[in-house]
N, C-alpha and C. Protein backbone atom coordinates (compact mmCIF):
# COMPACT_ATOMS: atom_id res chain seq x y z
N MET A 1 51.45 7.48 111.09
CA MET A 1 52.66 8.12 111.94
C MET A 1 54.01 8.05 111.00
N LYS A 2 54.28 6.89 110.27
CA LYS A 2 55.34 6.86 109.61
C LYS A 2 55.40 7.71 108.48
N ILE A 3 54.16 8.26 107.62
CA ILE A 3 53.96 9.13 106.75
C ILE A 3 54.26 10.58 107.35
N LEU A 4 54.14 10.86 108.43
CA LEU A 4 54.19 12.23 109.06
C LEU A 4 55.91 12.28 109.19
N ILE A 5 56.50 11.26 109.67
CA ILE A 5 57.93 11.44 109.98
C ILE A 5 58.72 11.46 108.65
N ALA A 6 58.11 10.57 107.70
CA ALA A 6 58.61 10.85 106.32
C ALA A 6 58.74 12.13 105.85
N ILE A 7 57.34 12.86 106.17
CA ILE A 7 57.22 14.09 105.41
C ILE A 7 58.22 15.25 106.22
N ILE A 8 58.21 15.17 107.60
CA ILE A 8 58.99 15.98 108.38
C ILE A 8 60.67 15.81 107.97
N ILE A 9 60.97 14.51 107.68
CA ILE A 9 62.32 14.36 107.10
C ILE A 9 62.69 15.04 105.68
N LEU A 10 61.81 14.57 104.82
CA LEU A 10 61.79 15.27 103.54
C LEU A 10 61.78 16.86 103.57
N LEU A 11 61.16 17.61 104.49
CA LEU A 11 61.04 18.91 104.80
C LEU A 11 62.24 19.35 105.41
N ILE A 12 62.78 18.66 106.13
CA ILE A 12 64.12 19.12 106.81
C ILE A 12 65.26 18.98 105.73
N VAL A 13 65.38 17.96 105.04
CA VAL A 13 66.12 17.70 103.90
C VAL A 13 66.13 18.51 103.02
N HIS A 14 65.00 19.12 102.52
CA HIS A 14 64.69 20.20 101.75
C HIS A 14 65.07 21.60 102.15
N LEU A 15 64.91 21.97 103.41
CA LEU A 15 65.55 23.14 103.97
C LEU A 15 66.80 23.13 104.12
N GLN A 16 67.49 22.07 104.40
CA GLN A 16 68.99 22.07 104.58
C GLN A 16 69.76 22.30 103.25
N TYR A 17 68.94 21.76 101.96
CA TYR A 17 69.46 21.76 100.66
C TYR A 17 69.43 23.34 100.29
N ARG A 18 68.30 23.93 100.70
CA ARG A 18 68.13 25.44 100.36
C ARG A 18 69.06 26.35 100.94
N PHE A 19 69.38 25.98 102.50
CA PHE A 19 70.35 26.54 103.21
C PHE A 19 71.80 26.62 102.66
N TRP A 20 72.37 25.09 102.33
CA TRP A 20 73.64 25.08 102.07
C TRP A 20 73.93 25.27 100.35
N LEU A 21 72.97 25.06 99.68
CA LEU A 21 73.19 25.04 98.10
C LEU A 21 72.36 25.85 97.25
N GLY A 22 71.05 26.36 98.03
CA GLY A 22 70.30 27.21 97.16
C GLY A 22 70.72 28.51 96.81
N ASP A 23 69.71 29.05 96.24
CA ASP A 23 69.88 30.48 95.70
C ASP A 23 70.26 31.47 96.95
N ALA A 24 69.49 31.41 98.07
CA ALA A 24 69.95 32.20 99.13
C ALA A 24 70.74 31.32 100.29
N SER A 25 71.69 30.82 99.77
CA SER A 25 72.66 29.76 100.60
C SER A 25 73.76 30.47 101.30
N VAL A 26 74.49 29.96 102.09
CA VAL A 26 75.17 30.79 103.03
C VAL A 26 76.57 31.40 102.25
N PHE A 27 76.86 30.73 101.31
CA PHE A 27 77.96 30.98 100.50
C PHE A 27 77.55 31.87 99.35
N ARG A 28 76.68 31.83 98.79
CA ARG A 28 76.02 32.86 98.04
C ARG A 28 75.80 34.55 98.68
N ILE A 29 75.25 34.32 99.98
CA ILE A 29 75.22 35.55 100.77
C ILE A 29 76.51 36.18 100.77
N GLN A 30 77.61 35.38 101.30
CA GLN A 30 78.76 35.97 101.57
C GLN A 30 79.48 36.61 100.28
N GLU A 31 79.21 35.88 99.19
CA GLU A 31 79.48 36.39 97.70
C GLU A 31 79.00 37.62 97.65
N TYR A 32 77.69 37.57 97.62
CA TYR A 32 77.12 38.77 97.48
C TYR A 32 77.53 40.09 98.39
N GLN A 33 77.79 39.65 99.71
CA GLN A 33 78.24 40.75 100.62
C GLN A 33 79.47 41.26 100.10
N GLN A 34 80.42 40.54 99.75
CA GLN A 34 81.64 40.79 99.22
C GLN A 34 81.71 41.80 97.97
N ARG A 35 80.94 41.39 97.25
CA ARG A 35 80.51 42.59 95.83
C ARG A 35 80.03 43.49 96.36
N LEU A 36 79.10 43.57 97.35
CA LEU A 36 78.37 44.69 97.69
C LEU A 36 79.45 45.69 98.26
N ASP A 37 80.40 45.23 99.19
CA ASP A 37 81.45 46.04 99.98
C ASP A 37 82.28 46.59 98.83
N ALA A 38 82.86 45.75 97.84
CA ALA A 38 83.68 46.52 96.76
C ALA A 38 82.75 47.35 96.10
N LEU A 39 81.72 47.17 95.87
CA LEU A 39 80.94 48.19 94.67
C LEU A 39 80.68 49.47 96.08
N GLN A 40 80.62 49.38 97.09
CA GLN A 40 80.50 50.67 98.00
C GLN A 40 81.73 51.04 98.14
N LYS A 41 82.84 50.49 98.31
CA LYS A 41 84.09 51.21 98.13
C LYS A 41 84.54 52.12 96.98
N GLU A 42 83.99 51.53 95.77
CA GLU A 42 84.25 52.00 94.37
C GLU A 42 83.38 53.19 94.43
N ALA A 43 82.25 53.28 95.14
CA ALA A 43 81.22 54.49 94.76
C ALA A 43 81.76 55.58 95.84
N GLN A 44 82.25 55.12 97.01
CA GLN A 44 82.83 56.11 97.78
C GLN A 44 83.86 56.94 97.32
N GLU A 45 85.02 55.94 96.52
CA GLU A 45 86.11 56.78 95.83
C GLU A 45 85.71 57.61 94.72
N LYS A 46 84.78 57.07 94.03
CA LYS A 46 84.12 58.13 92.93
C LYS A 46 83.39 59.42 93.54
N LYS A 47 82.84 59.15 94.40
CA LYS A 47 82.10 60.26 95.31
C LYS A 47 83.02 61.38 95.71
N GLU A 48 84.24 60.98 96.27
CA GLU A 48 85.25 61.82 96.71
C GLU A 48 86.01 62.62 95.72
N ARG A 49 86.33 61.71 94.40
CA ARG A 49 86.76 62.13 93.55
C ARG A 49 85.73 63.57 92.50
N ASN A 50 84.56 63.12 92.59
CA ASN A 50 83.59 63.97 92.20
C ASN A 50 83.60 65.45 92.93
N ASP A 51 83.59 65.15 94.55
CA ASP A 51 83.47 66.26 95.09
C ASP A 51 84.93 67.27 94.96
N ALA A 52 86.02 66.60 94.76
CA ALA A 52 87.18 67.21 94.64
C ALA A 52 87.11 68.03 93.21
N LEU A 53 86.67 67.40 92.25
CA LEU A 53 86.37 68.17 91.01
C LEU A 53 85.37 69.00 91.17
N TYR A 54 84.28 68.98 91.61
CA TYR A 54 83.21 69.91 91.93
C TYR A 54 83.81 71.42 92.85
N ALA A 55 84.65 71.10 93.66
CA ALA A 55 85.43 72.31 94.51
C ALA A 55 86.24 72.83 93.71
N GLU A 56 86.88 72.11 92.66
CA GLU A 56 87.68 72.84 91.54
C GLU A 56 87.09 73.59 90.65
N VAL A 57 86.04 73.20 90.31
CA VAL A 57 85.25 74.12 89.43
C VAL A 57 84.68 75.25 90.12
N LEU A 58 84.12 75.02 91.41
CA LEU A 58 83.55 76.39 92.06
C LEU A 58 84.94 77.29 92.29
N ASP A 59 85.95 76.72 92.26
CA ASP A 59 86.97 77.77 92.68
C ASP A 59 87.52 78.43 91.32
N LEU A 60 87.37 77.84 90.23
CA LEU A 60 87.79 78.19 88.93
C LEU A 60 86.60 79.29 88.32
N ARG A 61 85.12 79.14 89.10
CA ARG A 61 84.14 80.03 88.66
C ARG A 61 84.52 81.18 89.25
N LYS A 62 84.78 81.21 90.70
CA LYS A 62 84.75 82.19 91.60
C LYS A 62 85.74 83.27 91.48
N GLY A 63 86.82 82.87 90.92
CA GLY A 63 87.69 84.14 90.95
C GLY A 63 88.91 83.83 89.63
N GLN A 64 89.61 85.06 89.40
CA GLN A 64 90.74 84.91 88.61
C GLN A 64 92.18 84.56 89.16
N GLU A 65 91.98 84.45 90.70
CA GLU A 65 93.38 83.86 91.25
C GLU A 65 93.61 82.45 90.92
N ALA A 66 92.58 81.55 90.71
CA ALA A 66 92.79 80.07 90.84
C ALA A 66 93.40 80.06 89.04
N ILE A 67 92.52 80.66 88.11
CA ILE A 67 92.91 80.60 86.85
C ILE A 67 94.39 81.17 86.57
N GLU A 68 94.65 82.27 87.31
CA GLU A 68 96.17 82.80 87.24
C GLU A 68 96.98 81.42 87.71
N GLU A 69 96.86 81.07 88.86
CA GLU A 69 97.68 80.11 89.54
C GLU A 69 98.09 78.57 88.57
N ARG A 70 96.77 78.51 88.15
CA ARG A 70 96.87 77.15 87.05
C ARG A 70 97.69 77.57 85.75
N ALA A 71 97.47 78.80 85.27
CA ALA A 71 98.31 79.42 84.17
C ALA A 71 99.76 79.58 84.47
N ARG A 72 100.11 79.90 85.75
CA ARG A 72 101.53 79.96 86.14
C ARG A 72 102.13 78.72 86.19
N TYR A 73 101.65 77.79 86.99
CA TYR A 73 102.28 76.32 87.29
C TYR A 73 102.13 75.44 86.04
N GLU A 74 100.90 75.52 85.48
CA GLU A 74 100.77 74.34 84.32
C GLU A 74 101.56 74.93 83.04
N LEU A 75 101.31 76.27 82.79
CA LEU A 75 101.53 76.66 81.42
C LEU A 75 102.77 77.67 81.37
N GLY A 76 103.42 77.93 82.40
CA GLY A 76 104.84 78.82 82.76
C GLY A 76 104.45 80.23 82.12
N MET A 77 103.01 80.70 82.42
CA MET A 77 102.79 82.23 82.02
C MET A 77 103.49 82.88 83.20
N VAL A 78 103.74 84.45 82.58
CA VAL A 78 104.20 85.51 83.36
C VAL A 78 103.34 86.47 83.17
N LYS A 79 103.53 87.57 84.04
CA LYS A 79 102.68 88.72 84.21
C LYS A 79 103.50 89.63 83.62
N GLU A 80 102.76 90.95 83.12
CA GLU A 80 103.78 91.92 82.63
C GLU A 80 104.18 92.57 83.46
N ASN A 81 105.58 93.05 83.43
CA ASN A 81 106.43 93.80 84.41
C ASN A 81 106.98 92.80 85.36
N GLU A 82 106.97 91.54 85.26
CA GLU A 82 107.44 90.38 86.05
C GLU A 82 108.82 89.80 85.38
N THR A 83 109.50 89.42 86.22
CA THR A 83 110.85 88.77 85.84
C THR A 83 110.79 87.37 86.14
N PHE A 84 111.37 86.63 85.18
CA PHE A 84 111.08 85.28 85.44
C PHE A 84 112.38 84.55 85.35
N PHE A 85 112.82 83.94 86.34
CA PHE A 85 114.22 83.45 86.82
C PHE A 85 114.08 81.72 86.69
N GLN A 86 114.93 81.19 85.85
CA GLN A 86 114.87 79.64 85.80
C GLN A 86 116.31 79.08 86.32
N VAL A 87 115.92 78.52 87.46
CA VAL A 87 117.34 77.88 87.93
C VAL A 87 117.53 76.35 87.64
N LEU A 88 118.57 76.25 86.96
CA LEU A 88 118.99 75.02 86.58
C LEU A 88 120.09 74.26 87.62
N GLU A 89 119.84 73.14 87.95
CA GLU A 89 120.67 72.43 88.79
C GLU A 89 121.93 71.61 88.20
């Protein structure tokens, strides 16, 4: 009987050790969950950025209006027979 009690106590100690300090301990699981949350947030941000870039690529492939708009605002291009006014403050 004493041997059975000793085995049960050793088993409980072993399980408690694994629960609090082992590879799948409570603290490690929390750490892994925090890392997983951060990675999911980063993946979502990158997905949104990729979706925006993909929409811009489709817009540029679709027509000349988008190309013309970018040329006007980013490069300051002007059409023929168009007058450009620059207002200085």
